[in-house]
All heavy atoms as atom14 arrays in JSON, in Angstrom:
{
  "sequence": "LDADDAILIQRFSETRRRHPLTDEEHTLDEAIALERETLTPLNE",
  "atom14_mask": [
    [1, 1, 1, 1, 1, 1, 1, 1, 0, 0, 0, 0, 0, 0],
    [1, 1, 1, 1, 1, 1, 1, 1, 0, 0, 0, 0, 0, 0],
    [1, 1, 1, 1, 1, 0, 0, 0, 0, 0, 0, 0, 0, 0],
    [1, 1, 1, 1, 1, 1, 1, 1, 0, 0, 0, 0, 0, 0],
    [1, 1, 1, 1, 1, 1, 1, 1, 0, 0, 0, 0, 0, 0],
    [1, 1, 1, 1, 1, 0, 0, 0, 0, 0, 0, 0, 0, 0],
    [1, 1, 1, 1, 1, 1, 1, 1, 0, 0, 0, 0, 0, 0],
    [1, 1, 1, 1, 1, 1, 1, 1, 0, 0, 0, 0, 0, 0],
    [1, 1, 1, 1, 1, 1, 1, 1, 0, 0, 0, 0, 0, 0],
    [1, 1, 1, 1, 1, 1, 1, 1, 1, 0, 0, 0, 0, 0],
    [1, 1, 1, 1, 1, 1, 1, 1, 1, 1, 1, 0, 0, 0],
    [1, 1, 1, 1, 1, 1, 1, 1, 1, 1, 1, 0, 0, 0],
    [1, 1, 1, 1, 1, 1, 0, 0, 0, 0, 0, 0, 0, 0],
    [1, 1, 1, 1, 1, 1, 1, 1, 1, 0, 0, 0, 0, 0],
    [1, 1, 1, 1, 1, 1, 1, 0, 0, 0, 0, 0, 0, 0],
    [1, 1, 1, 1, 1, 1, 1, 1, 1, 1, 1, 0, 0, 0],
    [1, 1, 1, 1, 1, 1, 1, 1, 1, 1, 1, 0, 0, 0],
    [1, 1, 1, 1, 1, 1, 1, 1, 1, 1, 1, 0, 0, 0],
    [1, 1, 1, 1, 1, 1, 1, 1, 1, 1, 0, 0, 0, 0],
    [1, 1, 1, 1, 1, 1, 1, 0, 0, 0, 0, 0, 0, 0],
    [1, 1, 1, 1, 1, 1, 1, 1, 0, 0, 0, 0, 0, 0],
    [1, 1, 1, 1, 1, 1, 1, 0, 0, 0, 0, 0, 0, 0],
    [1, 1, 1, 1, 1, 1, 1, 1, 0, 0, 0, 0, 0, 0],
    [1, 1, 1, 1, 1, 1, 1, 1, 1, 0, 0, 0, 0, 0],
    [1, 1, 1, 1, 1, 1, 1, 1, 1, 0, 0, 0, 0, 0],
    [1, 1, 1, 1, 1, 1, 1, 1, 1, 1, 0, 0, 0, 0],
    [1, 1, 1, 1, 1, 1, 1, 0, 0, 0, 0, 0, 0, 0],
    [1, 1, 1, 1, 1, 1, 1, 1, 0, 0, 0, 0, 0, 0],
    [1, 1, 1, 1, 1, 1, 1, 1, 0, 0, 0, 0, 0, 0],
    [1, 1, 1, 1, 1, 1, 1, 1, 1, 0, 0, 0, 0, 0],
    [1, 1, 1, 1, 1, 0, 0, 0, 0, 0, 0, 0, 0, 0],
    [1, 1, 1, 1, 1, 1, 1, 1, 0, 0, 0, 0, 0, 0],
    [1, 1, 1, 1, 1, 0, 0, 0, 0, 0, 0, 0, 0, 0],
    [1, 1, 1, 1, 1, 1, 1, 1, 0, 0, 0, 0, 0, 0],
    [1, 1, 1, 1, 1, 1, 1, 1, 1, 0, 0, 0, 0, 0],
    [1, 1, 1, 1, 1, 1, 1, 1, 1, 1, 1, 0, 0, 0],
    [1, 1, 1, 1, 1, 1, 1, 1, 1, 0, 0, 0, 0, 0],
    [1, 1, 1, 1, 1, 1, 1, 0, 0, 0, 0, 0, 0, 0],
    [1, 1, 1, 1, 1, 1, 1, 1, 0, 0, 0, 0, 0, 0],
    [1, 1, 1, 1, 1, 1, 1, 0, 0, 0, 0, 0, 0, 0],
    [1, 1, 1, 1, 1, 1, 1, 0, 0, 0, 0, 0, 0, 0],
    [1, 1, 1, 1, 1, 1, 1, 1, 0, 0, 0, 0, 0, 0],
    [1, 1, 1, 1, 1, 1, 1, 1, 0, 0, 0, 0, 0, 0],
    [1, 1, 1, 1, 1, 1, 1, 1, 1, 0, 0, 0, 0, 0]
  ],
  "atom14_positions": [
    [[64.4, 41.46, 110.72], [63.14, 42.18, 110.9], [63.39, 43.61, 111.34], [64.25, 43.86, 112.18], [62.24, 41.48, 111.96], [61.56, 40.18, 111.46], [62.53, 39.0, 111.59], [60.3, 39.89, 112.26], [0.0, 0.0, 0.0], [0.0, 0.0, 0.0], [0.0, 0.0, 0.0], [0.0, 0.0, 0.0], [0.0, 0.0, 0.0], [0.0, 0.0, 0.0]],
    [[62.63, 44.52, 110.75], [62.86, 45.94, 111.0], [61.51, 46.66, 111.07], [60.47, 46.11, 110.72], [63.7, 46.52, 109.87], [64.35, 47.85, 110.22], [64.06, 48.36, 111.32], [65.11, 48.38, 109.4], [0.0, 0.0, 0.0], [0.0, 0.0, 0.0], [0.0, 0.0, 0.0], [0.0, 0.0, 0.0], [0.0, 0.0, 0.0], [0.0, 0.0, 0.0]],
    [[61.52, 47.9, 111.52], [60.33, 48.75, 111.54], [60.79, 50.19, 111.74], [61.92, 50.44, 112.18], [59.37, 48.33, 112.65], [0.0, 0.0, 0.0], [0.0, 0.0, 0.0], [0.0, 0.0, 0.0], [0.0, 0.0, 0.0], [0.0, 0.0, 0.0], [0.0, 0.0, 0.0], [0.0, 0.0, 0.0], [0.0, 0.0, 0.0], [0.0, 0.0, 0.0]],
    [[59.93, 51.14, 111.41], [60.26, 52.55, 111.6], [60.49, 52.85, 113.07], [59.84, 52.27, 113.96], [59.13, 53.43, 111.07], [59.1, 53.49, 109.56], [60.06, 53.01, 108.93], [58.11, 54.01, 109.0], [0.0, 0.0, 0.0], [0.0, 0.0, 0.0], [0.0, 0.0, 0.0], [0.0, 0.0, 0.0], [0.0, 0.0, 0.0], [0.0, 0.0, 0.0]],
    [[61.39, 53.8, 113.34], [61.68, 54.15, 114.74], [60.42, 54.58, 115.49], [60.24, 54.19, 116.66], [62.71, 55.3, 114.77], [64.1, 54.82, 114.32], [64.22, 53.61, 114.0], [65.03, 55.65, 114.31], [0.0, 0.0, 0.0], [0.0, 0.0, 0.0], [0.0, 0.0, 0.0], [0.0, 0.0, 0.0], [0.0, 0.0, 0.0], [0.0, 0.0, 0.0]],
    [[59.57, 55.37, 114.85], [58.38, 55.87, 115.54], [57.47, 54.71, 115.95], [56.88, 54.73, 117.04], [57.62, 56.83, 114.64], [0.0, 0.0, 0.0], [0.0, 0.0, 0.0], [0.0, 0.0, 0.0], [0.0, 0.0, 0.0], [0.0, 0.0, 0.0], [0.0, 0.0, 0.0], [0.0, 0.0, 0.0], [0.0, 0.0, 0.0], [0.0, 0.0, 0.0]],
    [[57.36, 53.7, 115.1], [56.53, 52.52, 115.41], [57.14, 51.72, 116.54], [56.45, 51.24, 117.45], [56.35, 51.64, 114.16], [55.56, 52.4, 113.11], [55.64, 50.35, 114.51], [54.14, 52.8, 113.54], [0.0, 0.0, 0.0], [0.0, 0.0, 0.0], [0.0, 0.0, 0.0], [0.0, 0.0, 0.0], [0.0, 0.0, 0.0], [0.0, 0.0, 0.0]],
    [[58.47, 51.56, 116.53], [59.15, 50.84, 117.6], [58.94, 51.53, 118.93], [58.67, 50.88, 119.95], [60.63, 50.71, 117.29], [61.01, 49.87, 116.07], [62.51, 49.94, 115.82], [60.59, 48.41, 116.26], [0.0, 0.0, 0.0], [0.0, 0.0, 0.0], [0.0, 0.0, 0.0], [0.0, 0.0, 0.0], [0.0, 0.0, 0.0], [0.0, 0.0, 0.0]],
    [[59.05, 52.86, 118.94], [58.83, 53.64, 120.17], [57.41, 53.44, 120.65], [57.14, 53.26, 121.85], [59.14, 55.11, 119.93], [60.66, 55.3, 119.71], [58.69, 55.96, 121.13], [61.06, 56.71, 119.32], [0.0, 0.0, 0.0], [0.0, 0.0, 0.0], [0.0, 0.0, 0.0], [0.0, 0.0, 0.0], [0.0, 0.0, 0.0], [0.0, 0.0, 0.0]],
    [[56.46, 53.49, 119.72], [55.05, 53.28, 120.06], [54.81, 51.91, 120.68], [54.09, 51.78, 121.68], [54.19, 53.47, 118.83], [52.7, 53.24, 119.08], [51.89, 53.37, 117.79], [52.29, 54.08, 116.87], [50.77, 52.68, 117.73], [0.0, 0.0, 0.0], [0.0, 0.0, 0.0], [0.0, 0.0, 0.0], [0.0, 0.0, 0.0], [0.0, 0.0, 0.0]],
    [[55.41, 50.88, 120.11], [55.22, 49.52, 120.6], [55.79, 49.38, 122.0], [55.17, 48.72, 122.87], [55.86, 48.51, 119.65], [55.14, 48.4, 118.33], [55.87, 47.51, 117.32], [55.17, 47.45, 116.05], [55.65, 46.89, 114.95], [56.84, 46.29, 114.98], [54.95, 46.88, 113.83], [0.0, 0.0, 0.0], [0.0, 0.0, 0.0], [0.0, 0.0, 0.0]],
    [[56.96, 49.95, 122.27], [57.52, 49.87, 123.6], [56.67, 50.65, 124.6], [56.54, 50.25, 125.77], [58.95, 50.38, 123.6], [59.97, 49.34, 123.21], [60.5, 49.29, 121.94], [60.39, 48.38, 124.13], [61.42, 48.32, 121.59], [61.31, 47.4, 123.8], [61.83, 47.37, 122.51], [0.0, 0.0, 0.0], [0.0, 0.0, 0.0], [0.0, 0.0, 0.0]],
    [[56.11, 51.76, 124.16], [55.25, 52.55, 125.04], [53.97, 51.8, 125.4], [53.5, 51.84, 126.53], [54.92, 53.9, 124.4], [56.09, 54.65, 124.16], [0.0, 0.0, 0.0], [0.0, 0.0, 0.0], [0.0, 0.0, 0.0], [0.0, 0.0, 0.0], [0.0, 0.0, 0.0], [0.0, 0.0, 0.0], [0.0, 0.0, 0.0], [0.0, 0.0, 0.0]],
    [[53.41, 51.12, 124.4], [52.17, 50.39, 124.63], [52.36, 49.18, 125.52], [51.51, 48.87, 126.37], [51.58, 49.94, 123.29], [51.06, 51.1, 122.43], [50.63, 50.65, 121.05], [50.93, 49.48, 120.68], [49.97, 51.44, 120.34], [0.0, 0.0, 0.0], [0.0, 0.0, 0.0], [0.0, 0.0, 0.0], [0.0, 0.0, 0.0], [0.0, 0.0, 0.0]],
    [[53.47, 48.48, 125.36], [53.7, 47.26, 126.14], [54.42, 47.57, 127.46], [54.48, 46.72, 128.35], [54.56, 46.26, 125.36], [55.83, 46.84, 125.04], [53.85, 45.86, 124.06], [0.0, 0.0, 0.0], [0.0, 0.0, 0.0], [0.0, 0.0, 0.0], [0.0, 0.0, 0.0], [0.0, 0.0, 0.0], [0.0, 0.0, 0.0], [0.0, 0.0, 0.0]],
    [[54.97, 48.78, 127.56], [55.72, 49.19, 128.76], [56.91, 48.28, 129.02], [57.33, 48.09, 130.16], [54.8, 49.27, 129.99], [53.69, 50.28, 129.84], [52.96, 50.52, 131.15], [51.9, 51.51, 130.97], [52.07, 52.82, 130.98], [53.3, 53.3, 131.15], [51.06, 53.63, 130.8], [0.0, 0.0, 0.0], [0.0, 0.0, 0.0], [0.0, 0.0, 0.0]],
    [[57.42, 47.69, 127.95], [58.62, 46.87, 128.09], [59.85, 47.76, 128.0], [59.82, 48.84, 127.41], [58.68, 45.82, 126.99], [57.65, 44.73, 127.11], [57.77, 43.74, 125.94], [59.12, 43.24, 125.8], [59.72, 43.05, 124.62], [59.11, 43.35, 123.49], [60.96, 42.58, 124.6], [0.0, 0.0, 0.0], [0.0, 0.0, 0.0], [0.0, 0.0, 0.0]],
    [[60.94, 47.29, 128.56], [62.19, 48.03, 128.53], [63.02, 47.58, 127.34], [63.19, 46.39, 127.1], [62.96, 47.8, 129.82], [64.34, 48.46, 129.86], [65.09, 48.11, 131.14], [66.46, 48.59, 131.11], [67.48, 47.96, 130.53], [67.27, 46.79, 129.95], [68.7, 48.47, 130.57], [0.0, 0.0, 0.0], [0.0, 0.0, 0.0], [0.0, 0.0, 0.0]],
    [[63.52, 48.56, 126.6], [64.43, 48.24, 125.48], [65.73, 47.7, 126.07], [66.25, 48.25, 127.06], [64.68, 49.47, 124.65], [65.39, 49.2, 123.36], [66.75, 48.95, 123.3], [64.94, 49.14, 122.07], [67.11, 48.73, 122.05], [66.04, 48.83, 121.28], [0.0, 0.0, 0.0], [0.0, 0.0, 0.0], [0.0, 0.0, 0.0], [0.0, 0.0, 0.0]],
    [[66.29, 46.63, 125.51], [67.51, 46.04, 126.09], [68.72, 46.96, 126.17], [69.65, 46.7, 126.93], [67.79, 44.82, 125.19], [67.02, 45.1, 123.92], [65.83, 45.87, 124.33], [0.0, 0.0, 0.0], [0.0, 0.0, 0.0], [0.0, 0.0, 0.0], [0.0, 0.0, 0.0], [0.0, 0.0, 0.0], [0.0, 0.0, 0.0], [0.0, 0.0, 0.0]],
    [[68.73, 48.04, 125.37], [69.9, 48.93, 125.35], [69.65, 50.25, 126.1], [70.54, 51.1, 126.11], [70.34, 49.22, 123.91], [70.79, 48.02, 123.1], [71.35, 48.47, 121.75], [71.84, 47.2, 123.83], [0.0, 0.0, 0.0], [0.0, 0.0, 0.0], [0.0, 0.0, 0.0], [0.0, 0.0, 0.0], [0.0, 0.0, 0.0], [0.0, 0.0, 0.0]],
    [[68.5, 50.41, 126.69], [68.24, 51.64, 127.47], [68.91, 51.55, 128.84], [68.95, 50.48, 129.45], [66.74, 51.88, 127.67], [66.13, 50.7, 128.22], [66.06, 52.22, 126.36], [0.0, 0.0, 0.0], [0.0, 0.0, 0.0], [0.0, 0.0, 0.0], [0.0, 0.0, 0.0], [0.0, 0.0, 0.0], [0.0, 0.0, 0.0], [0.0, 0.0, 0.0]],
    [[69.47, 52.65, 129.27], [70.08, 52.74, 130.6], [70.11, 54.19, 131.03], [69.39, 55.03, 130.44], [71.5, 52.12, 130.59], [72.38, 52.72, 129.5], [72.17, 53.91, 129.13], [73.29, 52.02, 129.0], [0.0, 0.0, 0.0], [0.0, 0.0, 0.0], [0.0, 0.0, 0.0], [0.0, 0.0, 0.0], [0.0, 0.0, 0.0], [0.0, 0.0, 0.0]],
    [[70.91, 54.49, 132.04], [70.96, 55.87, 132.54], [71.48, 56.84, 131.5], [71.23, 58.05, 131.56], [71.83, 55.94, 133.8], [71.29, 55.2, 135.0], [71.57, 53.69, 134.94], [72.22, 53.27, 133.96], [71.11, 52.98, 135.86], [0.0, 0.0, 0.0], [0.0, 0.0, 0.0], [0.0, 0.0, 0.0], [0.0, 0.0, 0.0], [0.0, 0.0, 0.0]],
    [[72.21, 56.34, 130.5], [72.83, 57.21, 129.52], [72.1, 57.24, 128.19], [72.41, 58.08, 127.33], [74.29, 56.77, 129.29], [75.16, 56.84, 130.54], [76.58, 56.37, 130.28], [76.83, 55.94, 129.12], [77.4, 56.45, 131.2], [0.0, 0.0, 0.0], [0.0, 0.0, 0.0], [0.0, 0.0, 0.0], [0.0, 0.0, 0.0], [0.0, 0.0, 0.0]],
    [[71.17, 56.3, 127.95], [70.51, 56.21, 126.65], [68.99, 56.21, 126.8], [68.43, 55.36, 127.49], [70.93, 54.93, 125.9], [72.39, 54.86, 125.58], [73.33, 54.32, 126.43], [73.09, 55.31, 124.49], [74.52, 54.4, 125.88], [74.41, 55.0, 124.71], [0.0, 0.0, 0.0], [0.0, 0.0, 0.0], [0.0, 0.0, 0.0], [0.0, 0.0, 0.0]],
    [[68.36, 57.18, 126.16], [66.9, 57.2, 126.11], [66.44, 56.14, 125.12], [67.25, 55.51, 124.43], [66.39, 58.58, 125.66], [66.89, 58.86, 124.34], [66.86, 59.66, 126.61], [0.0, 0.0, 0.0], [0.0, 0.0, 0.0], [0.0, 0.0, 0.0], [0.0, 0.0, 0.0], [0.0, 0.0, 0.0], [0.0, 0.0, 0.0], [0.0, 0.0, 0.0]],
    [[65.12, 55.96, 125.0], [64.6, 54.92, 124.11], [64.97, 55.19, 122.67], [65.44, 54.27, 121.97], [63.07, 54.85, 124.25], [62.37, 53.83, 123.35], [62.95, 52.44, 123.52], [60.87, 53.84, 123.63], [0.0, 0.0, 0.0], [0.0, 0.0, 0.0], [0.0, 0.0, 0.0], [0.0, 0.0, 0.0], [0.0, 0.0, 0.0], [0.0, 0.0, 0.0]],
    [[64.81, 56.41, 122.19], [65.14, 56.68, 120.8], [66.64, 56.56, 120.55], [67.07, 56.12, 119.47], [64.62, 58.07, 120.37], [65.1, 59.18, 121.27], [65.54, 58.87, 122.4], [65.02, 60.35, 120.87], [0.0, 0.0, 0.0], [0.0, 0.0, 0.0], [0.0, 0.0, 0.0], [0.0, 0.0, 0.0], [0.0, 0.0, 0.0], [0.0, 0.0, 0.0]],
    [[67.47, 56.91, 121.52], [68.92, 56.76, 121.36], [69.3, 55.27, 121.36], [70.18, 54.86, 120.63], [69.65, 57.47, 122.51], [69.52, 58.99, 122.46], [70.1, 59.67, 123.68], [70.23, 59.0, 124.72], [70.43, 60.87, 123.6], [0.0, 0.0, 0.0], [0.0, 0.0, 0.0], [0.0, 0.0, 0.0], [0.0, 0.0, 0.0], [0.0, 0.0, 0.0]],
    [[68.59, 54.47, 122.18], [68.86, 53.02, 122.23], [68.51, 52.37, 120.9], [69.23, 51.49, 120.42], [68.05, 52.38, 123.35], [0.0, 0.0, 0.0], [0.0, 0.0, 0.0], [0.0, 0.0, 0.0], [0.0, 0.0, 0.0], [0.0, 0.0, 0.0], [0.0, 0.0, 0.0], [0.0, 0.0, 0.0], [0.0, 0.0, 0.0], [0.0, 0.0, 0.0]],
    [[67.42, 52.8, 120.28], [67.02, 52.24, 118.99], [68.04, 52.61, 117.92], [68.42, 51.77, 117.08], [65.6, 52.76, 118.6], [64.56, 52.16, 119.54], [65.29, 52.4, 117.15], [63.17, 52.72, 119.32], [0.0, 0.0, 0.0], [0.0, 0.0, 0.0], [0.0, 0.0, 0.0], [0.0, 0.0, 0.0], [0.0, 0.0, 0.0], [0.0, 0.0, 0.0]],
    [[68.53, 53.86, 117.95], [69.55, 54.28, 116.98], [70.83, 53.47, 117.16], [71.47, 53.06, 116.18], [69.81, 55.76, 117.12], [0.0, 0.0, 0.0], [0.0, 0.0, 0.0], [0.0, 0.0, 0.0], [0.0, 0.0, 0.0], [0.0, 0.0, 0.0], [0.0, 0.0, 0.0], [0.0, 0.0, 0.0], [0.0, 0.0, 0.0], [0.0, 0.0, 0.0]],
    [[71.22, 53.25, 118.4], [72.43, 52.49, 118.7], [72.25, 51.03, 118.25], [73.18, 50.43, 117.68], [72.72, 52.53, 120.2], [73.92, 51.69, 120.68], [75.21, 52.14, 120.01], [74.02, 51.78, 122.21], [0.0, 0.0, 0.0], [0.0, 0.0, 0.0], [0.0, 0.0, 0.0], [0.0, 0.0, 0.0], [0.0, 0.0, 0.0], [0.0, 0.0, 0.0]],
    [[71.06, 50.47, 118.49], [70.8, 49.09, 118.08], [70.84, 48.96, 116.57], [71.4, 47.99, 116.04], [69.43, 48.66, 118.61], [69.07, 47.23, 118.28], [67.72, 46.84, 118.83], [66.79, 47.69, 118.81], [67.55, 45.69, 119.26], [0.0, 0.0, 0.0], [0.0, 0.0, 0.0], [0.0, 0.0, 0.0], [0.0, 0.0, 0.0], [0.0, 0.0, 0.0]],
    [[70.27, 49.93, 115.87], [70.26, 49.88, 114.4], [71.7, 49.91, 113.86], [72.04, 49.17, 112.91], [69.45, 51.06, 113.86], [69.14, 50.97, 112.38], [68.27, 52.14, 111.93], [66.95, 52.13, 112.57], [65.95, 51.34, 112.17], [66.12, 50.51, 111.16], [64.79, 51.4, 112.77], [0.0, 0.0, 0.0], [0.0, 0.0, 0.0], [0.0, 0.0, 0.0]],
    [[72.54, 50.73, 114.47], [73.94, 50.81, 114.04], [74.66, 49.51, 114.34], [75.45, 49.02, 113.53], [74.61, 51.98, 114.73], [76.09, 52.14, 114.38], [76.75, 53.28, 115.13], [76.03, 53.99, 115.89], [77.98, 53.44, 115.0], [0.0, 0.0, 0.0], [0.0, 0.0, 0.0], [0.0, 0.0, 0.0], [0.0, 0.0, 0.0], [0.0, 0.0, 0.0]],
    [[74.42, 48.95, 115.52], [75.1, 47.73, 115.94], [74.75, 46.55, 115.03], [75.61, 45.69, 114.74], [74.73, 47.36, 117.38], [75.07, 48.45, 118.25], [75.46, 46.12, 117.87], [0.0, 0.0, 0.0], [0.0, 0.0, 0.0], [0.0, 0.0, 0.0], [0.0, 0.0, 0.0], [0.0, 0.0, 0.0], [0.0, 0.0, 0.0], [0.0, 0.0, 0.0]],
    [[73.5, 46.51, 114.56], [73.04, 45.37, 113.75], [73.28, 45.56, 112.25], [72.86, 44.72, 111.46], [71.54, 45.14, 114.01], [71.18, 44.66, 115.41], [69.65, 44.58, 115.55], [71.81, 43.33, 115.72], [0.0, 0.0, 0.0], [0.0, 0.0, 0.0], [0.0, 0.0, 0.0], [0.0, 0.0, 0.0], [0.0, 0.0, 0.0], [0.0, 0.0, 0.0]],
    [[73.93, 46.65, 111.85], [74.16, 46.9, 110.43], [74.85, 45.72, 109.72], [74.43, 45.34, 108.62], [74.99, 48.18, 110.25], [74.24, 49.3, 110.73], [75.33, 48.4, 108.78], [0.0, 0.0, 0.0], [0.0, 0.0, 0.0], [0.0, 0.0, 0.0], [0.0, 0.0, 0.0], [0.0, 0.0, 0.0], [0.0, 0.0, 0.0], [0.0, 0.0, 0.0]],
    [[75.87, 45.09, 110.3], [76.51, 43.96, 109.61], [75.54, 42.82, 109.33], [75.57, 42.2, 108.26], [77.62, 43.53, 110.57], [77.92, 44.75, 111.37], [76.6, 45.44, 111.55], [0.0, 0.0, 0.0], [0.0, 0.0, 0.0], [0.0, 0.0, 0.0], [0.0, 0.0, 0.0], [0.0, 0.0, 0.0], [0.0, 0.0, 0.0], [0.0, 0.0, 0.0]],
    [[74.63, 42.54, 110.27], [73.67, 41.45, 110.06], [72.61, 41.87, 109.05], [72.13, 41.03, 108.26], [73.0, 41.08, 111.4], [73.84, 40.23, 112.35], [73.09, 39.95, 113.63], [74.26, 38.93, 111.69], [0.0, 0.0, 0.0], [0.0, 0.0, 0.0], [0.0, 0.0, 0.0], [0.0, 0.0, 0.0], [0.0, 0.0, 0.0], [0.0, 0.0, 0.0]],
    [[72.24, 43.13, 109.05], [71.27, 43.62, 108.07], [71.81, 43.45, 106.66], [71.11, 43.04, 105.73], [70.97, 45.1, 108.36], [69.81, 45.62, 107.52], [69.16, 44.87, 106.81], [69.56, 46.9, 107.6], [0.0, 0.0, 0.0], [0.0, 0.0, 0.0], [0.0, 0.0, 0.0], [0.0, 0.0, 0.0], [0.0, 0.0, 0.0], [0.0, 0.0, 0.0]],
    [[73.11, 43.72, 106.49], [73.73, 43.61, 105.17], [73.9, 42.12, 104.76], [73.94, 41.82, 103.57], [75.08, 44.31, 105.18], [74.98, 45.81, 105.37], [76.32, 46.49, 105.51], [77.34, 45.76, 105.71], [76.4, 47.74, 105.44], [0.0, 0.0, 0.0], [0.0, 0.0, 0.0], [0.0, 0.0, 0.0], [0.0, 0.0, 0.0], [0.0, 0.0, 0.0]]
  ]
}
């Protein structure tokens, strides 16, 4: 399952949930980009 980055950011903002990869070093958009890269093998 996938969605545009802007929509994912909007959904996290609306629910105020924390992205599992966000931390002191990664903002939400950086966490989404990292997650997309990490899941590339499963996407393929």
